[in-house]
């Protein structure tokens, strides 16, 4: 829900922010030219200075609003990161690295920061709307590392099983990262679902346990 809301907010603001950025640049150039060609008449000078000062103030307020929006989006994006499984996190790590540790000290512009968050959320959204099967290593019985095939159903839930079917289970996202629970009894269903995903057997209905948190 957080991803969808943030993406929707970004989609509605993106074009406006880009247009605002272009407008800022044009208006700043206009202000510079206006200040350079001020009339020597004292009354006219005062009027032009007042207009230029008001315009400068408006631009600074607009920039402050964009900067605040960037900081908000970055904070919300960081809240999503613990929910990302390892395969997705490996893909988006360069984008995660672009999120400033301290928004108050970053040298990046507000537009650049918003674009970085938008790119990150776009990759997360693509993963969340697909089924992904990857080969991973997971701690098996006795703590031994085992090769398993893991099927992620977006960011909602995942199922894993190793080739022999003796080790299998379920993964779910949490604020502390993904939590994995062994459940070898469902290994045949998991292997069957993965085989169907890989077109190794005809599609058919299969039952796998799931819960909504």
Protein backbone atom coordinates (compact mmCIF):
# COMPACT_ATOMS: atom_id res chain seq x y z
CA UNK A 1 0.00 0.00 0.00
CA UNK A 2 2.87 2.37 0.85
CA UNK A 3 4.51 1.64 -2.50
CA UNK A 4 1.27 2.24 -4.40
CA UNK A 5 0.46 5.45 -2.54
CA UNK A 6 3.96 6.84 -2.95
CA UNK A 7 4.07 5.89 -6.63
CA UNK A 8 0.68 7.51 -7.20
CA UNK A 9 1.85 10.69 -5.47
CA UNK A 10 5.00 10.73 -7.56
CA UNK A 11 3.07 10.12 -10.81
CA UNK A 12 0.82 13.11 -10.13
CA UNK A 13 3.69 15.38 -9.10
CA UNK A 14 6.40 14.34 -11.58
CA UNK A 15 5.32 16.41 -14.58
CA UNK A 16 4.49 19.40 -12.40
CA UNK A 17 7.90 19.28 -10.73
CA UNK A 18 9.70 19.04 -14.07
CA UNK A 19 7.72 21.96 -15.46
CA UNK A 20 8.36 23.88 -12.25
CA UNK A 21 12.08 23.23 -12.55
CA UNK A 22 12.11 24.56 -16.12
CA UNK A 23 10.03 27.54 -15.04
CA UNK A 24 12.46 28.25 -12.19
CA UNK A 25 15.35 28.35 -14.62
CA UNK A 26 13.56 30.66 -17.05
CA UNK A 27 12.34 32.93 -14.29
CA UNK A 28 15.76 33.16 -12.67
CA UNK A 29 17.25 34.20 -15.99
CA UNK A 30 14.51 36.78 -16.38
CA UNK A 31 15.23 38.12 -12.90
CA UNK A 32 18.94 38.42 -13.67
CA UNK A 33 18.24 40.33 -16.88
CA UNK A 34 15.72 42.54 -15.12
CA UNK A 35 18.17 43.40 -12.37
CA UNK A 36 20.86 44.18 -14.95
CA UNK A 37 18.67 46.61 -16.85
CA UNK A 38 17.00 48.52 -14.02
CA UNK A 39 16.02 52.07 -14.92
CA UNK A 40 18.02 54.84 -13.23
CA UNK A 41 14.81 56.54 -12.22
CA UNK A 42 14.64 56.00 -8.46
CA UNK A 43 10.92 55.24 -8.39
CA UNK A 44 11.19 52.72 -11.22
CA UNK A 45 14.26 51.18 -9.58
CA UNK A 46 12.37 50.63 -6.35
CA UNK A 47 9.45 49.03 -8.19
CA UNK A 48 11.68 46.71 -10.16
CA UNK A 49 13.68 45.78 -7.08
CA UNK A 50 10.50 45.01 -5.16
CA UNK A 51 9.18 42.85 -8.01
CA UNK A 52 12.48 41.01 -8.32
CA UNK A 53 12.61 40.40 -4.56
CA UNK A 54 9.04 39.06 -4.55
CA UNK A 55 9.87 36.75 -7.44
CA UNK A 56 12.99 35.52 -5.69
CA UNK A 57 10.98 34.78 -2.58
CA UNK A 58 8.40 32.80 -4.56
CA UNK A 59 11.14 30.73 -6.18
CA UNK A 60 12.78 30.00 -2.84
CA UNK A 61 9.44 28.89 -1.37
CA UNK A 62 8.78 26.60 -4.34
CA UNK A 63 12.26 25.09 -4.01
CA UNK A 64 11.71 24.53 -0.30
CA UNK A 65 8.47 22.68 -1.07
CA UNK A 66 10.22 20.43 -3.61
CA UNK A 67 13.04 19.75 -1.15
CA UNK A 68 10.56 18.80 1.57
CA UNK A 69 8.77 16.45 -0.82
CA UNK A 70 12.09 14.78 -1.71
CA UNK A 71 12.90 14.20 1.97
CA UNK A 72 9.44 12.71 2.58
CA UNK A 73 9.73 10.31 -0.36
CA UNK A 74 13.21 9.23 0.75
CA UNK A 75 11.97 8.50 4.27
CA UNK A 76 9.06 6.43 2.96
CA UNK A 77 11.34 4.57 0.54
CA UNK A 78 13.70 3.61 3.36
CA UNK A 79 10.75 2.10 5.25
CA UNK A 80 10.15 -0.24 2.31
CA UNK A 81 13.75 -1.49 1.99
CA UNK A 82 13.55 -4.10 4.83
CA UNK A 83 10.63 -5.72 2.98
CA UNK A 84 12.76 -6.41 -0.10
CA UNK A 85 14.03 -9.97 -0.63
CA UNK A 86 17.69 -10.52 -1.47
CA UNK A 87 17.25 -10.96 -5.27
CA UNK A 88 15.42 -7.65 -5.58
CA UNK A 89 17.72 -5.86 -3.16
CA UNK A 90 20.73 -6.87 -5.25
CA UNK A 91 19.08 -5.28 -8.30
CA UNK A 92 18.09 -2.00 -6.65
CA UNK A 93 21.13 -1.54 -4.39
CA UNK A 94 22.65 1.17 -6.66
CA UNK A 95 19.38 3.12 -6.34
CA UNK A 96 19.27 2.56 -2.59
CA UNK A 97 22.80 3.93 -2.37
CA UNK A 98 21.58 7.17 -3.94
CA UNK A 99 19.28 7.85 -0.97
CA UNK A 100 21.14 10.37 1.22
CA UNK A 101 21.98 9.36 4.77
CA UNK A 102 21.22 12.92 5.89
CA UNK A 103 18.78 14.78 3.59
CA UNK A 104 19.87 18.09 5.13
CA UNK A 105 23.48 17.63 3.98
CA UNK A 106 23.04 16.19 0.48
CA UNK A 107 24.32 18.17 -2.50
CA UNK A 108 21.84 16.59 -4.93
CA UNK A 109 19.00 18.76 -6.20
CA UNK A 110 15.40 18.10 -5.18
CA UNK A 111 14.51 16.96 -8.71
CA UNK A 112 17.45 14.51 -8.81
CA UNK A 113 16.45 13.08 -5.43
CA UNK A 114 12.81 12.62 -6.46
CA UNK A 115 13.87 10.95 -9.70
CA UNK A 116 16.06 8.49 -7.75
CA UNK A 117 13.17 7.53 -5.47
CA UNK A 118 10.84 7.15 -8.46
CA UNK A 119 13.31 4.81 -10.18
CA UNK A 120 13.64 2.74 -6.99
CA UNK A 121 9.89 2.43 -6.51
CA UNK A 122 9.43 1.52 -10.17
CA UNK A 123 11.79 -1.46 -9.81
CA UNK A 124 10.08 -2.53 -6.59
CA UNK A 125 6.66 -2.28 -8.22
CA UNK A 126 7.76 -4.43 -11.18
CA UNK A 127 8.97 -7.18 -8.83
CA UNK A 128 5.82 -6.92 -6.73
CA UNK A 129 3.60 -7.55 -9.75
CA UNK A 130 5.37 -10.67 -11.02
CA UNK A 131 6.26 -14.22 -10.02
CA UNK A 132 10.04 -14.67 -9.71
CA UNK A 133 11.94 -17.94 -9.33
CA UNK A 134 15.61 -17.86 -8.29
CA UNK A 135 18.20 -20.32 -7.00
CA UNK A 136 19.43 -19.41 -3.52
CA UNK A 137 21.34 -20.85 -0.59
CA UNK A 138 19.49 -21.19 2.66
CA UNK A 139 20.30 -22.56 6.12
CA UNK A 140 18.97 -26.10 6.20
CA UNK A 141 18.60 -28.64 9.02
CA UNK A 142 21.53 -28.44 11.38
CA UNK A 143 22.57 -25.07 9.96
CA UNK A 144 24.08 -26.52 6.77
CA UNK A 145 23.81 -24.33 3.68
CA UNK A 146 21.59 -25.87 1.00
CA UNK A 147 20.77 -24.91 -2.59
CA UNK A 148 17.06 -24.24 -2.99
CA UNK A 149 14.73 -22.92 -5.65
CA UNK A 150 12.65 -20.04 -4.32
CA UNK A 151 9.45 -18.78 -5.90
CA UNK A 152 8.50 -15.23 -4.90
CA UNK A 153 4.90 -14.15 -5.38
CA UNK A 154 5.69 -10.46 -5.55
CA UNK A 155 6.51 -9.11 -2.10
CA UNK A 156 3.69 -11.02 -0.40
CA UNK A 157 5.10 -14.50 0.18
CA UNK A 158 7.69 -16.97 -1.12
CA UNK A 159 8.09 -20.74 -1.20
CA UNK A 160 11.35 -22.68 -1.36
CA UNK A 161 12.37 -26.29 -1.85
CA UNK A 162 15.62 -28.11 -2.47
CA UNK A 163 15.78 -30.73 -5.25
CA UNK A 164 15.35 -33.80 -3.01
CA UNK A 165 12.25 -32.32 -1.40
CA UNK A 166 13.56 -33.01 2.11
CA UNK A 167 13.95 -29.30 2.86
CA UNK A 168 11.24 -26.78 1.97
CA UNK A 169 9.30 -23.94 3.51
CA UNK A 170 7.74 -20.50 3.35
CA UNK A 171 9.13 -16.98 3.51
CA UNK A 172 7.33 -13.80 4.52
CA UNK A 173 8.48 -10.17 4.69
CA UNK A 174 8.77 -8.36 8.00
CA UNK A 175 10.16 -5.08 9.30
CA UNK A 176 13.32 -6.99 10.26
CA UNK A 177 13.72 -8.63 6.84
CA UNK A 178 12.32 -11.83 5.37
CA UNK A 179 11.55 -14.64 7.81
CA UNK A 180 11.82 -18.25 6.61
CA UNK A 181 9.98 -21.19 8.16
CA UNK A 182 10.69 -24.82 7.26
CA UNK A 183 7.73 -26.91 6.12
CA UNK A 184 8.96 -30.00 4.25
CA UNK A 185 5.44 -31.41 3.93
CA UNK A 186 4.60 -28.93 1.15
CA UNK A 187 7.76 -29.65 -0.87
CA UNK A 188 5.89 -31.57 -3.63
CA UNK A 189 3.44 -28.71 -4.18
CA UNK A 190 6.27 -26.16 -4.30
CA UNK A 191 8.29 -28.22 -6.74
CA UNK A 192 5.22 -28.70 -8.90
CA UNK A 193 4.48 -24.97 -8.97
CA UNK A 194 8.08 -24.14 -9.89
CA UNK A 195 8.05 -26.77 -12.63
CA UNK A 196 4.90 -25.20 -14.08
CA UNK A 197 6.52 -21.77 -13.92
CA UNK A 198 9.47 -23.13 -15.91
CA UNK A 199 7.10 -24.81 -18.42
CA UNK A 200 8.45 -28.21 -17.39
CA UNK A 201 4.93 -29.55 -16.81
CA UNK A 202 1.40 -28.54 -17.86
CA UNK A 203 -0.30 -25.80 -15.90
CA UNK A 204 -2.71 -26.98 -13.22
CA UNK A 205 -4.14 -25.84 -9.93
CA UNK A 206 -1.96 -26.52 -6.92
CA UNK A 207 -2.53 -25.70 -3.27
CA UNK A 208 0.00 -23.83 -1.15
CA UNK A 209 -0.60 -22.39 2.33
CA UNK A 210 -0.82 -18.60 2.60
CA UNK A 211 -1.96 -16.03 5.12
CA UNK A 212 -2.68 -12.31 5.07
CA UNK A 213 -0.97 -10.23 7.74
